[in-house]
Amino acid sequence: MEPDICQHLQAIHTLKVEHEHVCEECIKTGDEWLHLRTCQTCGVTLCCNDSPNQHMQKHYHKTKHPVISSAEPGERWLWCNVDEIMVEY
């Protein structure tokens, strides 16, 4: 059975991936991060909610870009911030 997914997740046809494996904002301030997430609207890679600065969450609140993916090796999932739905791929 196919899981229910929202329109935001359905709109993802090409996955944006990170290339440098750094949080661009933490680098600017010399801070550290735990995990990285990639915005599926603009492709920016920033730190997760478990990181001290929570840059991806701030990015979402500023831009309203709905879907992120894990940028961590071996993790294959998408998360919709609007509908709070996760799908693995």
N, C-alpha and C. Protein backbone atom coordinates (compact mmCIF):
# COMPACT_ATOMS: atom_id res chain seq x y z
N MET A 1 0.84 -1.18 0.00
CA MET A 1 0.00 0.00 0.00
C MET A 1 0.89 1.25 0.00
N GLU A 2 0.60 2.18 -0.87
CA GLU A 2 1.34 3.44 -0.99
C GLU A 2 0.99 4.36 0.19
N PRO A 3 2.00 4.90 0.91
CA PRO A 3 1.67 5.80 2.03
C PRO A 3 1.09 7.11 1.50
N ASP A 4 0.25 7.73 2.31
CA ASP A 4 -0.29 9.04 1.95
C ASP A 4 0.84 10.06 2.03
N ILE A 5 0.99 10.82 0.96
CA ILE A 5 1.97 11.90 1.00
C ILE A 5 1.29 13.18 0.55
N CYS A 6 1.83 14.27 0.99
CA CYS A 6 1.23 15.58 0.72
C CYS A 6 1.65 16.10 -0.65
N GLN A 7 1.03 17.18 -1.05
CA GLN A 7 1.32 17.78 -2.35
C GLN A 7 2.75 18.29 -2.43
N HIS A 8 3.32 18.72 -1.30
CA HIS A 8 4.70 19.22 -1.29
C HIS A 8 5.68 18.10 -1.63
N LEU A 9 5.47 16.93 -1.03
CA LEU A 9 6.33 15.79 -1.32
C LEU A 9 6.10 15.27 -2.73
N GLN A 10 4.87 15.28 -3.18
CA GLN A 10 4.55 14.83 -4.54
C GLN A 10 5.23 15.72 -5.59
N ALA A 11 5.49 16.97 -5.24
CA ALA A 11 6.08 17.91 -6.19
C ALA A 11 7.58 17.70 -6.40
N ILE A 12 8.21 16.87 -5.57
CA ILE A 12 9.65 16.62 -5.71
C ILE A 12 9.86 15.57 -6.79
N HIS A 13 10.47 15.99 -7.90
CA HIS A 13 10.74 15.08 -9.01
C HIS A 13 12.24 14.83 -9.19
N THR A 14 13.05 15.81 -8.82
CA THR A 14 14.50 15.68 -8.89
C THR A 14 15.07 16.07 -7.53
N LEU A 15 15.83 15.18 -6.94
CA LEU A 15 16.37 15.41 -5.62
C LEU A 15 17.58 16.34 -5.68
N LYS A 16 17.55 17.38 -4.85
CA LYS A 16 18.71 18.26 -4.71
C LYS A 16 19.61 17.64 -3.64
N VAL A 17 20.90 17.56 -3.92
CA VAL A 17 21.85 16.95 -2.98
C VAL A 17 22.94 17.95 -2.63
N GLU A 18 23.49 17.78 -1.44
CA GLU A 18 24.58 18.66 -1.01
C GLU A 18 25.89 18.16 -1.60
N HIS A 19 26.85 19.07 -1.73
CA HIS A 19 28.12 18.69 -2.32
C HIS A 19 29.31 18.91 -1.38
N GLU A 20 29.18 19.82 -0.42
CA GLU A 20 30.32 20.15 0.43
C GLU A 20 30.22 19.55 1.83
N HIS A 21 29.07 19.10 2.25
CA HIS A 21 28.82 18.50 3.56
C HIS A 21 29.21 19.44 4.71
N VAL A 22 28.75 20.69 4.60
CA VAL A 22 28.94 21.68 5.66
C VAL A 22 27.67 22.51 5.79
N CYS A 23 27.46 23.07 6.97
CA CYS A 23 26.40 24.06 7.16
C CYS A 23 26.99 25.41 6.79
N GLU A 24 26.49 26.00 5.74
CA GLU A 24 27.03 27.27 5.25
C GLU A 24 26.99 28.36 6.32
N GLU A 25 25.94 28.39 7.13
CA GLU A 25 25.80 29.42 8.16
C GLU A 25 26.72 29.17 9.35
N CYS A 26 26.87 27.91 9.77
CA CYS A 26 27.78 27.60 10.88
C CYS A 26 29.23 27.91 10.51
N ILE A 27 29.59 27.69 9.26
CA ILE A 27 30.94 28.00 8.80
C ILE A 27 31.23 29.49 8.99
N LYS A 28 30.25 30.33 8.67
CA LYS A 28 30.42 31.79 8.79
C LYS A 28 30.70 32.22 10.22
N THR A 29 30.10 31.52 11.20
CA THR A 29 30.24 31.92 12.60
C THR A 29 31.23 31.05 13.38
N GLY A 30 31.79 30.04 12.71
CA GLY A 30 32.74 29.16 13.37
C GLY A 30 32.10 28.16 14.32
N ASP A 31 30.82 27.92 14.16
CA ASP A 31 30.09 26.99 15.02
C ASP A 31 30.12 25.57 14.44
N GLU A 32 29.71 24.61 15.26
CA GLU A 32 29.64 23.21 14.84
C GLU A 32 28.19 22.79 14.69
N TRP A 33 27.97 21.68 13.98
CA TRP A 33 26.63 21.15 13.75
C TRP A 33 26.65 19.65 13.98
N LEU A 34 25.46 19.06 14.13
CA LEU A 34 25.35 17.62 14.31
C LEU A 34 25.05 16.92 12.99
N HIS A 35 23.95 17.32 12.34
CA HIS A 35 23.52 16.69 11.10
C HIS A 35 23.14 17.78 10.10
N LEU A 36 23.14 17.41 8.83
CA LEU A 36 22.83 18.38 7.78
C LEU A 36 21.56 18.00 7.04
N ARG A 37 20.85 19.01 6.59
CA ARG A 37 19.63 18.85 5.80
C ARG A 37 19.73 19.73 4.56
N THR A 38 19.13 19.28 3.46
CA THR A 38 19.16 20.03 2.21
C THR A 38 17.74 20.45 1.84
N CYS A 39 17.57 21.74 1.59
CA CYS A 39 16.28 22.28 1.17
C CYS A 39 16.01 21.82 -0.26
N GLN A 40 14.83 21.26 -0.48
CA GLN A 40 14.49 20.75 -1.80
C GLN A 40 13.90 21.82 -2.70
N THR A 41 13.76 23.03 -2.23
CA THR A 41 13.34 24.14 -3.08
C THR A 41 14.55 24.87 -3.66
N CYS A 42 15.49 25.25 -2.80
CA CYS A 42 16.63 26.06 -3.27
C CYS A 42 17.97 25.34 -3.24
N GLY A 43 18.05 24.20 -2.57
CA GLY A 43 19.27 23.41 -2.55
C GLY A 43 20.29 23.77 -1.49
N VAL A 44 19.99 24.74 -0.63
CA VAL A 44 20.91 25.10 0.44
C VAL A 44 20.99 23.96 1.45
N THR A 45 22.20 23.73 1.99
CA THR A 45 22.40 22.72 3.02
C THR A 45 22.76 23.42 4.32
N LEU A 46 21.98 23.10 5.37
CA LEU A 46 22.14 23.75 6.67
C LEU A 46 21.98 22.71 7.78
N CYS A 47 22.28 23.12 9.01
CA CYS A 47 22.24 22.20 10.14
C CYS A 47 20.82 21.91 10.61
N CYS A 48 20.66 20.76 11.26
CA CYS A 48 19.36 20.24 11.68
C CYS A 48 18.88 20.85 12.99
N ASN A 49 17.69 20.45 13.42
CA ASN A 49 17.10 20.94 14.67
C ASN A 49 17.86 20.50 15.91
N ASP A 50 18.63 19.42 15.83
CA ASP A 50 19.41 18.96 16.97
C ASP A 50 20.73 19.71 17.10
N SER A 51 21.08 20.50 16.10
CA SER A 51 22.28 21.32 16.13
C SER A 51 22.01 22.60 16.92
N PRO A 52 23.03 23.18 17.54
CA PRO A 52 22.81 24.36 18.38
C PRO A 52 22.11 25.52 17.68
N ASN A 53 22.41 25.77 16.41
CA ASN A 53 21.85 26.94 15.72
C ASN A 53 20.59 26.69 14.92
N GLN A 54 20.27 25.45 14.65
CA GLN A 54 19.03 25.07 13.94
C GLN A 54 18.81 25.92 12.68
N HIS A 55 19.85 26.03 11.86
CA HIS A 55 19.77 26.89 10.69
C HIS A 55 18.72 26.46 9.66
N MET A 56 18.51 25.16 9.49
CA MET A 56 17.50 24.75 8.50
C MET A 56 16.10 25.14 8.96
N GLN A 57 15.82 25.01 10.24
CA GLN A 57 14.52 25.42 10.76
C GLN A 57 14.31 26.92 10.57
N LYS A 58 15.35 27.71 10.80
CA LYS A 58 15.28 29.16 10.59
C LYS A 58 15.05 29.46 9.10
N HIS A 59 15.71 28.70 8.24
CA HIS A 59 15.53 28.86 6.79
C HIS A 59 14.07 28.61 6.42
N TYR A 60 13.49 27.57 6.96
CA TYR A 60 12.09 27.26 6.68
C TYR A 60 11.17 28.41 7.12
N HIS A 61 11.36 28.91 8.33
CA HIS A 61 10.50 29.98 8.83
C HIS A 61 10.66 31.26 8.01
N LYS A 62 11.85 31.50 7.51
CA LYS A 62 12.09 32.70 6.70
C LYS A 62 11.54 32.55 5.28
N THR A 63 11.74 31.38 4.66
CA THR A 63 11.42 31.22 3.23
C THR A 63 10.11 30.48 2.96
N LYS A 64 9.68 29.67 3.93
CA LYS A 64 8.51 28.78 3.77
C LYS A 64 8.76 27.69 2.72
N HIS A 65 10.03 27.38 2.41
CA HIS A 65 10.34 26.25 1.53
C HIS A 65 9.96 24.98 2.30
N PRO A 66 9.04 24.17 1.78
CA PRO A 66 8.42 23.13 2.59
C PRO A 66 9.21 21.85 2.84
N VAL A 67 10.01 21.38 1.88
CA VAL A 67 10.57 20.03 1.97
C VAL A 67 12.09 20.06 2.11
N ILE A 68 12.58 19.23 3.05
CA ILE A 68 14.02 19.03 3.21
C ILE A 68 14.33 17.55 3.07
N SER A 69 15.60 17.27 2.81
CA SER A 69 16.07 15.89 2.82
C SER A 69 17.27 15.80 3.75
N SER A 70 17.55 14.61 4.21
CA SER A 70 18.77 14.40 4.98
C SER A 70 19.95 14.51 4.04
N ALA A 71 21.00 15.17 4.49
CA ALA A 71 22.24 15.24 3.73
C ALA A 71 23.29 14.32 4.34
N GLU A 72 22.85 13.44 5.24
CA GLU A 72 23.76 12.52 5.90
C GLU A 72 23.96 11.26 5.07
N PRO A 73 25.19 10.78 4.97
CA PRO A 73 25.45 9.54 4.22
C PRO A 73 24.61 8.38 4.77
N GLY A 74 23.98 7.65 3.88
CA GLY A 74 23.19 6.49 4.27
C GLY A 74 21.76 6.79 4.66
N GLU A 75 21.41 8.05 4.85
CA GLU A 75 20.03 8.41 5.18
C GLU A 75 19.33 8.84 3.90
N ARG A 76 18.15 8.27 3.66
CA ARG A 76 17.40 8.57 2.44
C ARG A 76 15.95 8.86 2.80
N TRP A 77 15.69 10.11 3.18
CA TRP A 77 14.33 10.50 3.52
C TRP A 77 14.08 11.95 3.16
N LEU A 78 12.79 12.25 3.03
CA LEU A 78 12.31 13.62 2.80
C LEU A 78 11.34 13.95 3.93
N TRP A 79 11.33 15.21 4.34
CA TRP A 79 10.43 15.67 5.40
C TRP A 79 9.72 16.92 4.91
N CYS A 80 8.40 16.95 5.07
CA CYS A 80 7.62 18.14 4.76
C CYS A 80 7.36 18.88 6.06
N ASN A 81 7.90 20.09 6.17
CA ASN A 81 7.69 20.91 7.37
C ASN A 81 6.24 21.36 7.51
N VAL A 82 5.56 21.58 6.41
CA VAL A 82 4.18 22.08 6.46
C VAL A 82 3.25 21.00 7.01
N ASP A 83 3.32 19.81 6.43
CA ASP A 83 2.39 18.73 6.78
C ASP A 83 2.96 17.73 7.78
N GLU A 84 4.21 17.91 8.17
CA GLU A 84 4.90 17.04 9.13
C GLU A 84 4.80 15.58 8.72
N ILE A 85 5.21 15.32 7.48
CA ILE A 85 5.19 13.96 6.91
C ILE A 85 6.60 13.61 6.44
N MET A 86 7.04 12.40 6.78
CA MET A 86 8.33 11.91 6.32
C MET A 86 8.12 10.71 5.39
N VAL A 87 8.91 10.67 4.34
CA VAL A 87 8.92 9.50 3.46
C VAL A 87 10.36 9.08 3.22
N GLU A 88 10.57 7.80 3.19
CA GLU A 88 11.88 7.26 2.82
C GLU A 88 11.86 6.96 1.34
N TYR A 89 13.01 7.06 0.71
CA TYR A 89 13.09 6.77 -0.72
C TYR A 89 14.25 5.83 -1.00
